């Protein structure tokens, strides 16, 4: 991912936690950097986001429990307080914008199919998930989310 500089890119009171339970390597500092910039660029208020990388078996279970869909998937987003304003978090704390879960095994297969790197694929999935936290819905927005995703990828992830 290309690093951008400038005051407009600096995060403001954003907390990103990353947990890797997948068994595959993930550059956690890059993921944090990316989420911080995406929150600012998508207009989400400052807050907290959790990103967890899981194996296929766990993602399959989560996909069934939360989406009622059998089998695995690449990414799931769970908005929490994403529609709130600063200072409106639970118990007066920071906004809990949401959680993102990514299956690194599926991401690795998709990267191979697309002849790209795992880093680029993970970047794309993180962008996709943050856009969902920001309220985008690719199933109902006539391509708006896809356009925004491509724009953000070109700006923040192009290797």
N, C-alpha and C. Protein backbone atom coordinates (compact mmCIF):
# COMPACT_ATOMS: atom_id res chain seq x y z
N UNK A 1 0.84 -1.17 0.00
CA UNK A 1 0.00 0.00 0.00
C UNK A 1 0.88 1.23 0.00
N UNK A 2 0.49 2.18 -0.76
CA UNK A 2 1.28 3.40 -0.84
C UNK A 2 0.95 4.30 0.34
N UNK A 3 1.96 4.83 0.96
CA UNK A 3 1.75 5.73 2.09
C UNK A 3 1.54 7.14 1.58
N UNK A 4 0.51 7.78 2.02
CA UNK A 4 0.22 9.17 1.67
C UNK A 4 0.54 10.03 2.88
N UNK A 5 0.88 11.24 2.65
CA UNK A 5 1.17 12.13 3.76
C UNK A 5 0.31 13.37 3.64
N UNK A 6 0.27 14.13 4.70
CA UNK A 6 -0.50 15.36 4.69
C UNK A 6 -1.48 15.39 5.83
N UNK A 7 -1.82 16.59 6.26
CA UNK A 7 -2.72 16.75 7.40
C UNK A 7 -4.10 16.17 7.14
N UNK A 8 -4.57 16.23 5.87
CA UNK A 8 -5.91 15.73 5.59
C UNK A 8 -5.99 14.22 5.74
N UNK A 9 -4.86 13.55 5.80
CA UNK A 9 -4.83 12.10 5.88
C UNK A 9 -4.63 11.59 7.30
N UNK A 10 -4.33 12.48 8.24
CA UNK A 10 -4.05 12.03 9.59
C UNK A 10 -5.34 11.70 10.33
N UNK A 11 -5.39 10.54 10.98
CA UNK A 11 -6.60 10.15 11.70
C UNK A 11 -6.80 11.03 12.93
N UNK A 12 -8.05 11.14 13.37
CA UNK A 12 -8.40 11.94 14.52
C UNK A 12 -9.17 11.06 15.51
N UNK A 13 -8.53 10.69 16.61
CA UNK A 13 -9.16 9.89 17.67
C UNK A 13 -9.78 8.60 17.13
N UNK A 14 -8.99 7.86 16.40
CA UNK A 14 -9.42 6.59 15.85
C UNK A 14 -8.63 5.49 16.53
N UNK A 15 -9.33 4.44 16.94
CA UNK A 15 -8.65 3.28 17.53
C UNK A 15 -8.99 2.06 16.68
N UNK A 16 -7.96 1.43 16.17
CA UNK A 16 -8.13 0.24 15.34
C UNK A 16 -7.41 -0.90 16.03
N UNK A 17 -8.13 -1.97 16.30
CA UNK A 17 -7.50 -3.16 16.85
C UNK A 17 -7.52 -4.24 15.78
N UNK A 18 -6.41 -4.95 15.68
CA UNK A 18 -6.28 -6.02 14.70
C UNK A 18 -5.90 -7.29 15.43
N UNK A 19 -6.61 -8.37 15.13
CA UNK A 19 -6.31 -9.67 15.70
C UNK A 19 -6.21 -10.67 14.55
N UNK A 20 -5.13 -11.43 14.54
CA UNK A 20 -4.93 -12.43 13.49
C UNK A 20 -4.99 -13.82 14.09
N UNK A 21 -6.10 -14.51 13.83
CA UNK A 21 -6.27 -15.90 14.28
C UNK A 21 -6.20 -16.85 13.11
N UNK A 22 -5.79 -16.36 11.95
CA UNK A 22 -5.90 -17.13 10.71
C UNK A 22 -4.77 -18.13 10.48
N UNK A 23 -3.62 -17.89 11.06
CA UNK A 23 -2.47 -18.74 10.77
C UNK A 23 -1.67 -18.29 9.57
N UNK A 24 -2.16 -17.30 8.83
CA UNK A 24 -1.42 -16.73 7.71
C UNK A 24 -0.90 -15.35 8.13
N UNK A 25 0.26 -14.96 7.58
CA UNK A 25 0.81 -13.65 8.00
C UNK A 25 -0.03 -12.48 7.49
N UNK A 26 -0.19 -11.49 8.36
CA UNK A 26 -0.92 -10.26 8.03
C UNK A 26 -0.10 -9.11 8.59
N UNK A 27 0.10 -8.08 7.78
CA UNK A 27 0.82 -6.89 8.22
C UNK A 27 -0.16 -6.00 9.00
N UNK A 28 -0.20 -6.19 10.30
CA UNK A 28 -1.17 -5.49 11.14
C UNK A 28 -1.01 -3.98 11.10
N UNK A 29 0.22 -3.49 11.02
CA UNK A 29 0.42 -2.04 10.99
C UNK A 29 -0.15 -1.44 9.70
N UNK A 30 -0.04 -2.14 8.59
CA UNK A 30 -0.62 -1.65 7.33
C UNK A 30 -2.14 -1.63 7.41
N UNK A 31 -2.71 -2.66 8.03
CA UNK A 31 -4.16 -2.72 8.16
C UNK A 31 -4.65 -1.55 9.01
N UNK A 32 -3.98 -1.29 10.13
CA UNK A 32 -4.36 -0.15 10.98
C UNK A 32 -4.26 1.16 10.22
N UNK A 33 -3.16 1.35 9.51
CA UNK A 33 -2.95 2.56 8.72
C UNK A 33 -4.09 2.74 7.72
N UNK A 34 -4.43 1.66 7.04
CA UNK A 34 -5.47 1.72 6.02
C UNK A 34 -6.84 2.06 6.63
N UNK A 35 -7.21 1.38 7.69
CA UNK A 35 -8.52 1.63 8.31
C UNK A 35 -8.60 3.07 8.81
N UNK A 36 -7.54 3.57 9.42
CA UNK A 36 -7.54 4.96 9.90
C UNK A 36 -7.83 5.93 8.76
N UNK A 37 -7.19 5.75 7.62
CA UNK A 37 -7.40 6.64 6.48
C UNK A 37 -8.80 6.47 5.90
N UNK A 38 -9.26 5.24 5.83
CA UNK A 38 -10.58 4.98 5.27
C UNK A 38 -11.69 5.60 6.10
N UNK A 39 -11.55 5.55 7.42
CA UNK A 39 -12.57 6.15 8.28
C UNK A 39 -12.69 7.65 7.98
N UNK A 40 -11.57 8.29 7.83
CA UNK A 40 -11.56 9.73 7.54
C UNK A 40 -12.18 10.00 6.16
N UNK A 41 -11.77 9.22 5.18
CA UNK A 41 -12.20 9.47 3.80
C UNK A 41 -13.65 9.07 3.52
N UNK A 42 -14.22 8.23 4.33
CA UNK A 42 -15.61 7.83 4.12
C UNK A 42 -16.57 8.68 4.94
N UNK A 43 -16.04 9.59 5.73
CA UNK A 43 -16.88 10.47 6.50
C UNK A 43 -17.38 9.88 7.81
N UNK A 44 -16.88 8.71 8.18
CA UNK A 44 -17.27 8.16 9.47
C UNK A 44 -16.66 8.99 10.59
N UNK A 45 -17.38 9.16 11.68
CA UNK A 45 -16.82 9.93 12.79
C UNK A 45 -15.70 9.14 13.46
N UNK A 46 -14.85 9.81 14.23
CA UNK A 46 -13.81 9.10 14.96
C UNK A 46 -14.43 8.03 15.87
N UNK A 47 -13.75 6.94 16.02
CA UNK A 47 -14.25 5.86 16.87
C UNK A 47 -13.35 4.65 16.83
N UNK A 48 -13.92 3.52 17.18
CA UNK A 48 -13.16 2.28 17.25
C UNK A 48 -13.65 1.27 16.23
N UNK A 49 -12.70 0.56 15.64
CA UNK A 49 -12.99 -0.52 14.69
C UNK A 49 -12.12 -1.70 15.04
N UNK A 50 -12.70 -2.88 15.02
CA UNK A 50 -11.95 -4.11 15.22
C UNK A 50 -11.86 -4.86 13.91
N UNK A 51 -10.66 -5.35 13.59
CA UNK A 51 -10.45 -6.15 12.38
C UNK A 51 -9.87 -7.48 12.83
N UNK A 52 -10.54 -8.57 12.46
CA UNK A 52 -10.10 -9.90 12.86
C UNK A 52 -9.93 -10.76 11.62
N UNK A 53 -8.80 -11.44 11.55
CA UNK A 53 -8.50 -12.37 10.46
C UNK A 53 -8.69 -13.77 10.99
N UNK A 54 -9.50 -14.57 10.28
CA UNK A 54 -9.88 -15.89 10.78
C UNK A 54 -9.65 -16.96 9.72
N UNK A 55 -9.58 -18.24 10.16
CA UNK A 55 -9.49 -19.35 9.21
C UNK A 55 -10.86 -19.62 8.58
N UNK A 56 -10.87 -20.41 7.52
CA UNK A 56 -12.10 -20.69 6.78
C UNK A 56 -13.18 -21.33 7.65
N UNK A 57 -12.80 -22.22 8.55
CA UNK A 57 -13.80 -22.89 9.39
C UNK A 57 -14.55 -21.88 10.26
N UNK A 58 -13.84 -20.93 10.82
CA UNK A 58 -14.48 -19.92 11.66
C UNK A 58 -15.36 -18.99 10.83
N UNK A 59 -14.88 -18.62 9.65
CA UNK A 59 -15.67 -17.73 8.78
C UNK A 59 -16.94 -18.42 8.33
N UNK A 60 -16.86 -19.68 8.05
CA UNK A 60 -18.04 -20.44 7.65
C UNK A 60 -19.10 -20.42 8.76
N UNK A 61 -18.66 -20.61 9.99
CA UNK A 61 -19.56 -20.58 11.14
C UNK A 61 -20.17 -19.19 11.30
N UNK A 62 -19.36 -18.15 11.20
CA UNK A 62 -19.85 -16.78 11.33
C UNK A 62 -20.83 -16.42 10.21
N UNK A 63 -20.54 -16.88 9.02
CA UNK A 63 -21.41 -16.60 7.88
C UNK A 63 -22.80 -17.22 8.10
N UNK A 64 -22.83 -18.40 8.67
CA UNK A 64 -24.12 -19.04 8.96
C UNK A 64 -24.83 -18.33 10.13
N UNK A 65 -24.10 -18.09 11.21
CA UNK A 65 -24.70 -17.48 12.40
C UNK A 65 -25.28 -16.09 12.14
N UNK A 66 -24.58 -15.29 11.35
CA UNK A 66 -24.98 -13.89 11.19
C UNK A 66 -25.70 -13.59 9.88
N UNK A 67 -25.41 -14.35 8.84
CA UNK A 67 -26.01 -14.08 7.54
C UNK A 67 -26.98 -15.17 7.07
N UNK A 68 -26.98 -16.29 7.79
CA UNK A 68 -27.78 -17.45 7.42
C UNK A 68 -27.41 -17.95 6.02
N UNK A 69 -26.12 -17.86 5.71
CA UNK A 69 -25.59 -18.36 4.43
C UNK A 69 -24.62 -19.49 4.71
N UNK A 70 -24.80 -20.60 4.01
CA UNK A 70 -23.91 -21.75 4.18
C UNK A 70 -22.59 -21.50 3.47
N UNK A 71 -21.54 -22.05 4.04
CA UNK A 71 -20.22 -21.94 3.43
C UNK A 71 -19.49 -20.69 3.86
N UNK A 72 -18.29 -20.57 3.38
CA UNK A 72 -17.45 -19.43 3.76
C UNK A 72 -17.71 -18.22 2.89
N UNK A 73 -17.04 -17.17 3.25
CA UNK A 73 -17.05 -15.93 2.48
C UNK A 73 -15.73 -15.23 2.75
N UNK A 74 -15.45 -14.17 2.03
CA UNK A 74 -14.18 -13.48 2.20
C UNK A 74 -14.19 -12.46 3.33
N UNK A 75 -15.31 -11.72 3.48
CA UNK A 75 -15.35 -10.64 4.47
C UNK A 75 -16.76 -10.44 4.98
N UNK A 76 -16.86 -10.12 6.27
CA UNK A 76 -18.12 -9.75 6.89
C UNK A 76 -17.90 -8.44 7.64
N UNK A 77 -18.89 -7.56 7.59
CA UNK A 77 -18.85 -6.29 8.33
C UNK A 77 -20.02 -6.26 9.30
N UNK A 78 -19.73 -5.77 10.49
CA UNK A 78 -20.75 -5.68 11.52
C UNK A 78 -20.80 -4.25 12.05
N UNK A 79 -21.59 -3.37 11.43
CA UNK A 79 -21.72 -2.00 11.94
C UNK A 79 -22.31 -2.01 13.35
N UNK A 80 -21.81 -1.15 14.20
CA UNK A 80 -22.35 -1.05 15.56
C UNK A 80 -22.91 0.36 15.74
N UNK A 81 -22.06 1.33 16.05
CA UNK A 81 -22.50 2.72 16.24
C UNK A 81 -22.16 3.58 15.03
N UNK A 82 -21.97 2.99 13.86
CA UNK A 82 -21.45 3.72 12.70
C UNK A 82 -22.31 4.92 12.32
N UNK A 83 -23.59 4.91 12.65
CA UNK A 83 -24.45 6.03 12.29
C UNK A 83 -24.48 7.14 13.32
N UNK A 84 -23.73 6.98 14.40
CA UNK A 84 -23.75 7.98 15.46
C UNK A 84 -22.81 9.14 15.21
N UNK A 85 -22.90 10.10 16.08
CA UNK A 85 -22.02 11.26 16.03
C UNK A 85 -20.99 11.14 17.15
N UNK A 86 -19.86 11.85 17.03
CA UNK A 86 -18.86 11.80 18.09
C UNK A 86 -19.48 12.09 19.45
N UNK A 87 -19.08 11.31 20.46
CA UNK A 87 -19.60 11.48 21.80
C UNK A 87 -20.89 10.71 22.06
N UNK A 88 -21.40 10.01 21.05
CA UNK A 88 -22.64 9.27 21.20
C UNK A 88 -22.42 7.77 21.34
N UNK A 89 -21.24 7.36 21.71
CA UNK A 89 -20.95 5.94 21.88
C UNK A 89 -21.68 5.37 23.08
N UNK A 90 -21.62 4.07 23.22
CA UNK A 90 -22.28 3.40 24.34
C UNK A 90 -21.67 3.89 25.65
N UNK A 91 -22.52 4.16 26.62
CA UNK A 91 -22.12 4.61 27.95
C UNK A 91 -21.26 5.88 27.87
N UNK A 92 -21.51 6.70 26.87
CA UNK A 92 -20.80 7.96 26.73
C UNK A 92 -19.36 7.83 26.26
N UNK A 93 -18.94 6.62 25.92
CA UNK A 93 -17.57 6.39 25.44
C UNK A 93 -17.46 6.67 23.95
N UNK A 94 -16.31 6.32 23.37
CA UNK A 94 -16.13 6.53 21.94
C UNK A 94 -17.09 5.66 21.14
N UNK A 95 -17.39 6.10 19.94
CA UNK A 95 -18.24 5.31 19.06
C UNK A 95 -17.56 3.99 18.74
N UNK A 96 -18.31 2.92 18.83
CA UNK A 96 -17.84 1.61 18.38
C UNK A 96 -18.38 1.47 16.96
N UNK A 97 -17.55 1.83 15.99
CA UNK A 97 -18.03 1.89 14.61
C UNK A 97 -18.40 0.52 14.06
N UNK A 98 -17.68 -0.49 14.46
CA UNK A 98 -18.03 -1.83 14.01
C UNK A 98 -16.85 -2.77 13.98
N UNK A 99 -17.16 -3.99 13.58
CA UNK A 99 -16.16 -5.03 13.47
C UNK A 99 -16.11 -5.55 12.05
N UNK A 100 -14.91 -5.94 11.65
CA UNK A 100 -14.66 -6.50 10.32
C UNK A 100 -14.00 -7.85 10.54
N UNK A 101 -14.49 -8.86 9.82
CA UNK A 101 -13.89 -10.19 9.89
C UNK A 101 -13.51 -10.59 8.47
N UNK A 102 -12.25 -11.00 8.31
CA UNK A 102 -11.73 -11.38 6.99
C UNK A 102 -11.15 -12.78 7.06
N UNK A 103 -11.49 -13.59 6.07
CA UNK A 103 -10.94 -14.94 5.98
C UNK A 103 -9.71 -14.89 5.07
N UNK A 104 -8.54 -15.08 5.66
CA UNK A 104 -7.30 -14.99 4.88
C UNK A 104 -7.16 -16.13 3.89
N UNK A 105 -7.73 -17.29 4.19
CA UNK A 105 -7.65 -18.40 3.25
C UNK A 105 -8.40 -18.08 1.96
N UNK A 106 -9.60 -17.54 2.10
CA UNK A 106 -10.38 -17.15 0.92
C UNK A 106 -9.67 -16.00 0.21
N UNK A 107 -9.16 -15.05 0.96
CA UNK A 107 -8.44 -13.93 0.35
C UNK A 107 -7.24 -14.41 -0.45
N UNK A 108 -6.51 -15.39 0.08
CA UNK A 108 -5.34 -15.92 -0.64
C UNK A 108 -5.76 -16.58 -1.95
N UNK A 109 -6.85 -17.32 -1.94
CA UNK A 109 -7.35 -17.95 -3.17
C UNK A 109 -7.80 -16.90 -4.18
N UNK A 110 -8.49 -15.87 -3.70
CA UNK A 110 -8.94 -14.80 -4.60
C UNK A 110 -7.75 -14.05 -5.18
N UNK A 111 -6.73 -13.83 -4.38
CA UNK A 111 -5.52 -13.14 -4.87
C UNK A 111 -4.87 -13.97 -5.97
N UNK A 112 -4.78 -15.27 -5.76
CA UNK A 112 -4.19 -16.15 -6.77
C UNK A 112 -5.01 -16.13 -8.05
N UNK A 113 -6.33 -16.21 -7.93
CA UNK A 113 -7.21 -16.18 -9.10
C UNK A 113 -7.09 -14.87 -9.87
N UNK A 114 -6.87 -13.77 -9.14
CA UNK A 114 -6.76 -12.45 -9.77
C UNK A 114 -5.33 -12.10 -10.15
N UNK A 115 -4.40 -13.02 -9.91
CA UNK A 115 -2.97 -12.77 -10.18
C UNK A 115 -2.48 -11.51 -9.49
N UNK A 116 -2.84 -11.38 -8.23
CA UNK A 116 -2.40 -10.24 -7.44
C UNK A 116 -1.81 -10.75 -6.13
N UNK A 117 -1.34 -9.85 -5.31
CA UNK A 117 -0.74 -10.26 -4.04
C UNK A 117 -1.81 -10.39 -2.95
N UNK A 118 -1.49 -11.14 -1.92
CA UNK A 118 -2.38 -11.24 -0.77
C UNK A 118 -2.54 -9.87 -0.13
N UNK A 119 -1.49 -9.09 -0.09
CA UNK A 119 -1.56 -7.73 0.48
C UNK A 119 -2.60 -6.89 -0.25
N UNK A 120 -2.59 -6.93 -1.58
CA UNK A 120 -3.56 -6.15 -2.37
C UNK A 120 -4.98 -6.65 -2.13
N UNK A 121 -5.15 -7.97 -2.07
CA UNK A 121 -6.49 -8.53 -1.84
C UNK A 121 -7.02 -8.15 -0.46
N UNK A 122 -6.16 -8.23 0.55
CA UNK A 122 -6.58 -7.84 1.90
C UNK A 122 -6.96 -6.36 1.93
N UNK A 123 -6.20 -5.55 1.22
CA UNK A 123 -6.51 -4.11 1.14
C UNK A 123 -7.90 -3.91 0.54
N UNK A 124 -8.18 -4.60 -0.53
CA UNK A 124 -9.49 -4.49 -1.18
C UNK A 124 -10.62 -4.91 -0.24
N UNK A 125 -10.40 -6.00 0.49
CA UNK A 125 -11.43 -6.49 1.41
C UNK A 125 -11.65 -5.53 2.58
N UNK A 126 -10.57 -4.92 3.07
CA UNK A 126 -10.71 -3.94 4.15
C UNK A 126 -11.50 -2.73 3.64
N UNK A 127 -11.19 -2.26 2.45
CA UNK A 127 -11.94 -1.13 1.88
C UNK A 127 -13.42 -1.50 1.76
N UNK A 128 -13.70 -2.67 1.24
CA UNK A 128 -15.07 -3.13 1.07
C UNK A 128 -15.81 -3.12 2.41
N UNK A 129 -15.16 -3.66 3.42
CA UNK A 129 -15.78 -3.75 4.75
C UNK A 129 -16.02 -2.38 5.37
N UNK A 130 -15.05 -1.48 5.27
CA UNK A 130 -15.22 -0.14 5.84
C UNK A 130 -16.33 0.61 5.11
N UNK A 131 -16.44 0.42 3.81
CA UNK A 131 -17.53 1.06 3.08
C UNK A 131 -18.89 0.56 3.59
N UNK A 132 -18.98 -0.72 3.92
CA UNK A 132 -20.22 -1.22 4.52
C UNK A 132 -20.46 -0.56 5.88
N UNK A 133 -19.41 -0.39 6.69
CA UNK A 133 -19.57 0.30 7.97
C UNK A 133 -20.08 1.72 7.76
N UNK A 134 -19.67 2.32 6.63
CA UNK A 134 -20.08 3.70 6.32
C UNK A 134 -21.47 3.77 5.70
N UNK A 135 -22.12 2.61 5.53
CA UNK A 135 -23.49 2.61 5.03
C UNK A 135 -23.66 2.30 3.56
N UNK A 136 -22.58 2.03 2.85
CA UNK A 136 -22.69 1.67 1.44
C UNK A 136 -23.28 0.26 1.32
N UNK A 137 -24.02 0.03 0.23
CA UNK A 137 -24.62 -1.27 -0.02
C UNK A 137 -24.54 -1.58 -1.51
N UNK A 138 -23.58 -2.40 -1.90
CA UNK A 138 -23.36 -2.69 -3.31
C UNK A 138 -24.52 -3.43 -3.96
N UNK A 139 -25.40 -4.00 -3.16
CA UNK A 139 -26.55 -4.72 -3.72
C UNK A 139 -27.70 -3.78 -4.07
N UNK A 140 -27.60 -2.51 -3.67
CA UNK A 140 -28.72 -1.60 -3.89
C UNK A 140 -28.32 -0.19 -4.31
N UNK A 141 -27.06 0.04 -4.67
CA UNK A 141 -26.66 1.43 -4.91
C UNK A 141 -26.23 1.74 -6.34
N UNK A 142 -26.61 0.92 -7.29
CA UNK A 142 -26.31 1.16 -8.71
C UNK A 142 -24.83 1.42 -8.99
N UNK A 143 -23.96 0.70 -8.30
CA UNK A 143 -22.53 0.78 -8.58
C UNK A 143 -21.77 1.83 -7.82
N UNK A 144 -22.45 2.61 -6.96
CA UNK A 144 -21.76 3.67 -6.22
C UNK A 144 -20.66 3.10 -5.32
N UNK A 145 -20.95 2.01 -4.61
CA UNK A 145 -19.95 1.42 -3.72
C UNK A 145 -18.76 0.89 -4.52
N UNK A 146 -19.04 0.25 -5.64
CA UNK A 146 -17.96 -0.29 -6.47
C UNK A 146 -17.05 0.82 -6.97
N UNK A 147 -17.64 1.95 -7.37
CA UNK A 147 -16.83 3.09 -7.84
C UNK A 147 -15.96 3.65 -6.72
N UNK A 148 -16.56 3.81 -5.54
CA UNK A 148 -15.82 4.34 -4.39
C UNK A 148 -14.71 3.36 -3.99
N UNK A 149 -15.01 2.09 -4.01
CA UNK A 149 -14.02 1.06 -3.66
C UNK A 149 -12.83 1.12 -4.62
N UNK A 150 -13.09 1.23 -5.91
CA UNK A 150 -12.02 1.31 -6.90
C UNK A 150 -11.18 2.57 -6.71
N UNK A 151 -11.85 3.69 -6.44
CA UNK A 151 -11.14 4.96 -6.21
C UNK A 151 -10.22 4.87 -5.00
N UNK A 152 -10.74 4.33 -3.89
CA UNK A 152 -9.94 4.20 -2.68
C UNK A 152 -8.79 3.21 -2.86
N UNK A 153 -9.04 2.13 -3.58
CA UNK A 153 -7.98 1.15 -3.84
C UNK A 153 -6.86 1.80 -4.64
N UNK A 154 -7.23 2.52 -5.69
CA UNK A 154 -6.20 3.18 -6.53
C UNK A 154 -5.38 4.17 -5.71
N UNK A 155 -6.03 4.87 -4.81
CA UNK A 155 -5.36 5.90 -4.03
C UNK A 155 -4.50 5.32 -2.88
N UNK A 156 -4.99 4.28 -2.22
CA UNK A 156 -4.35 3.80 -1.00
C UNK A 156 -3.62 2.46 -1.12
N UNK A 157 -3.93 1.69 -2.13
CA UNK A 157 -3.43 0.31 -2.15
C UNK A 157 -2.63 -0.08 -3.38
N UNK A 158 -2.70 0.69 -4.41
CA UNK A 158 -2.02 0.29 -5.65
C UNK A 158 -0.54 0.06 -5.36
N UNK A 159 -0.08 -1.13 -5.68
CA UNK A 159 1.33 -1.50 -5.38
C UNK A 159 2.25 -1.08 -6.50
